[in-house]
Amino acid sequence: MNCVNMDTIRWGIIGCGDVCEKKSGPAFYKIEHSELNAVMRRDAVKVKDFALRHHVQKYYTDVQDIISDPDIDAIYVATPPNTHKEYSIKAMRAGKPVYVEKPMAMSYEECREMISRNRTKAFSCVLSSCITIFYSNKVFIRKASYRGYSFGYSFS
């Protein structure tokens, strides 16, 4: 992912339930420099319904499929907190930047493990969403370039 030359971030959402319905999901396709290209939910009927109502091109029922999608630049994890660590680390291992719904993880130790995994890949990140996605993608890209492609903030 070359974010310096990237004009638009193509997002994938893991867990398109109630949190994504009105609070965060629509922001991914409504704000400048952002597209929502795929969503994932284990329930096939519900994920298809979400995709159709929000005009999302692709939908999946398996987390590995959305993580492996070459048309996805970054992943938003909006599942229950007990899966945040697992899904975030899988996405980071695939080289995808990760934006995680709050709380970031189930414990301080899980957060530290996620941050540790983040530091092993040049193009991966973990952001805990203490604010909403309306935090501009333009700022997200700018911070990435300032930090040598290392998205996000220092947690040390």
Protein backbone atom coordinates (compact mmCIF):
# COMPACT_ATOMS: atom_id res chain seq x y z
CA MET A 1 0.00 0.00 0.00
CA ASN A 2 1.61 3.25 -1.14
CA CYS A 3 -0.32 5.85 0.80
CA VAL A 4 1.71 8.86 -0.32
CA ASN A 5 0.36 8.56 -3.87
CA MET A 6 -3.04 7.25 -2.80
CA ASP A 7 -5.97 9.60 -3.37
CA THR A 8 -8.67 7.30 -2.01
CA ILE A 9 -8.60 4.63 0.68
CA ARG A 10 -10.64 1.54 -0.26
CA TRP A 11 -12.09 0.20 3.00
CA GLY A 12 -13.38 -3.17 4.05
CA ILE A 13 -15.49 -3.58 7.18
CA ILE A 14 -15.35 -6.70 9.31
CA GLY A 15 -18.55 -6.83 11.36
CA CYS A 16 -21.27 -4.75 9.75
CA GLY A 17 -23.82 -4.87 12.55
CA ASP A 18 -25.56 -2.18 14.59
CA VAL A 19 -22.43 -0.05 15.16
CA CYS A 20 -21.87 0.26 11.41
CA GLU A 21 -25.47 0.79 10.42
CA LYS A 22 -25.68 4.49 11.24
CA LYS A 23 -22.71 5.48 13.38
CA SER A 24 -19.61 4.59 11.40
CA GLY A 25 -20.44 2.59 8.27
CA PRO A 26 -21.90 5.37 6.12
CA ALA A 27 -18.92 7.64 6.84
CA PHE A 28 -16.63 5.29 4.92
CA TYR A 29 -18.46 6.05 1.67
CA LYS A 30 -19.66 9.59 2.39
CA ILE A 31 -16.41 11.38 3.16
CA GLU A 32 -13.83 12.56 0.68
CA HIS A 33 -10.95 10.21 -0.17
CA SER A 34 -12.80 7.15 1.10
CA GLU A 35 -14.70 4.23 -0.47
CA LEU A 36 -16.41 1.30 1.17
CA ASN A 37 -15.64 -1.60 -1.18
CA ALA A 38 -16.48 -4.68 0.90
CA VAL A 39 -18.17 -5.80 4.10
CA MET A 40 -17.99 -9.03 6.07
CA ARG A 41 -20.41 -10.63 8.48
CA ARG A 42 -20.86 -14.32 9.27
CA ASP A 43 -24.62 -14.15 8.62
CA ALA A 44 -25.02 -14.34 4.81
CA VAL A 45 -28.53 -12.85 4.75
CA LYS A 46 -27.61 -9.89 6.95
CA VAL A 47 -24.34 -9.08 5.17
CA LYS A 48 -26.05 -9.14 1.77
CA ASP A 49 -28.81 -6.87 3.09
CA PHE A 50 -26.25 -4.40 4.49
CA ALA A 51 -24.29 -4.41 1.23
CA LEU A 52 -27.37 -3.77 -0.88
CA ARG A 53 -28.70 -0.98 1.32
CA HIS A 54 -25.32 0.77 1.48
CA HIS A 55 -24.36 0.12 -2.16
CA VAL A 56 -21.27 -1.90 -1.27
CA GLN A 57 -19.75 -3.81 -4.19
CA LYS A 58 -18.66 -6.96 -2.36
CA TYR A 59 -19.72 -8.86 0.72
CA TYR A 60 -18.24 -11.86 2.47
CA THR A 61 -19.08 -14.31 5.25
CA ASP A 62 -15.48 -15.36 5.88
CA VAL A 63 -12.98 -12.97 7.44
CA GLN A 64 -10.05 -14.31 5.42
CA ASP A 65 -11.84 -13.46 2.15
CA ILE A 66 -12.17 -9.76 2.95
CA ILE A 67 -8.63 -9.57 4.33
CA SER A 68 -7.27 -11.21 1.17
CA ASP A 69 -9.26 -8.99 -1.20
CA PRO A 70 -6.72 -7.05 -3.33
CA ASP A 71 -9.26 -4.23 -3.80
CA ILE A 72 -9.21 -3.43 -0.08
CA ASP A 73 -6.52 -1.05 1.20
CA ALA A 74 -7.50 -0.90 4.88
CA ILE A 75 -9.76 -2.77 7.30
CA TYR A 76 -12.20 -1.40 9.88
CA VAL A 77 -12.85 -3.94 12.65
CA ALA A 78 -16.31 -3.38 14.15
CA THR A 79 -16.98 -6.78 15.68
CA PRO A 80 -17.56 -7.54 19.36
CA PRO A 81 -14.39 -6.69 21.34
CA ASN A 82 -13.47 -10.33 21.97
CA THR A 83 -12.52 -10.69 18.27
CA HIS A 84 -10.70 -7.37 17.78
CA LYS A 85 -7.25 -8.79 18.47
CA GLU A 86 -7.67 -11.85 16.25
CA TYR A 87 -9.05 -9.98 13.24
CA SER A 88 -6.66 -7.04 13.58
CA ILE A 89 -3.60 -9.26 13.71
CA LYS A 90 -4.83 -11.29 10.71
CA ALA A 91 -5.28 -8.09 8.71
CA MET A 92 -1.90 -6.70 9.78
CA ARG A 93 -0.20 -9.95 8.80
CA ALA A 94 -1.73 -9.45 5.36
CA GLY A 95 -0.21 -5.94 5.25
CA LYS A 96 -3.49 -4.08 5.70
CA PRO A 97 -3.77 -1.03 7.96
CA VAL A 98 -6.40 -1.58 10.63
CA TYR A 99 -8.87 0.80 12.25
CA VAL A 100 -10.39 -0.79 15.36
CA GLU A 101 -13.69 0.09 17.02
CA LYS A 102 -13.51 0.82 20.73
CA PRO A 103 -12.55 -0.74 22.99
CA MET A 104 -9.39 -1.67 21.14
CA ALA A 105 -9.14 -5.08 22.84
CA MET A 106 -10.24 -7.02 25.90
CA SER A 107 -7.19 -6.17 27.99
CA TYR A 108 -4.06 -4.09 28.18
CA GLU A 109 -2.04 -7.20 27.29
CA GLU A 110 -4.06 -7.74 24.09
CA CYS A 111 -3.56 -4.10 23.15
CA ARG A 112 0.19 -4.44 23.65
CA GLU A 113 0.24 -7.58 21.48
CA MET A 114 -1.65 -5.77 18.71
CA ILE A 115 0.76 -2.84 18.90
CA SER A 116 3.71 -5.21 18.90
CA ARG A 117 2.41 -6.92 15.74
CA ASN A 118 1.93 -3.50 14.20
CA ARG A 119 5.60 -2.67 14.59
CA THR A 120 6.70 -5.79 12.72
CA LYS A 121 5.12 -4.70 9.42
CA ALA A 122 6.04 -1.44 7.73
CA PHE A 123 2.57 -0.81 6.29
CA SER A 124 0.30 -1.92 9.14
CA CYS A 125 -1.31 -0.09 11.99
CA VAL A 126 -3.75 -0.21 14.84
CA LEU A 127 -5.92 2.75 15.71
CA SER A 128 -8.35 2.58 18.58
CA SER A 129 -11.38 4.59 17.60
CA CYS A 130 -11.80 6.88 20.55
CA ILE A 131 -13.18 9.28 17.94
CA THR A 132 -15.37 8.46 14.97
CA ILE A 133 -14.28 7.75 11.40
CA PHE A 134 -15.15 11.31 10.49
CA TYR A 135 -11.50 11.93 11.34
CA SER A 136 -10.56 12.77 7.79
CA ASN A 137 -8.88 10.18 5.61
CA LYS A 138 -6.84 13.04 4.20
CA VAL A 139 -5.29 13.51 7.65
CA PHE A 140 -4.88 9.73 7.90
CA ILE A 141 -2.87 9.72 4.66
CA ARG A 142 -0.86 12.81 5.62
CA LYS A 143 0.13 11.30 8.98
CA ALA A 144 1.16 8.14 7.18
CA SER A 145 3.52 9.99 4.89
CA TYR A 146 5.01 11.97 7.79
CA ARG A 147 5.68 8.75 9.63
CA GLY A 148 7.29 6.91 6.75
CA TYR A 149 4.13 4.91 5.98
CA SER A 150 3.65 3.91 9.60
CA PHE A 151 0.00 4.80 10.14
CA GLY A 152 -1.32 6.05 13.44
CA TYR A 153 0.14 7.06 16.72
CA SER A 154 2.89 5.89 19.00
CA PHE A 155 1.55 3.87 21.91
CA SER A 156 4.87 3.65 23.79
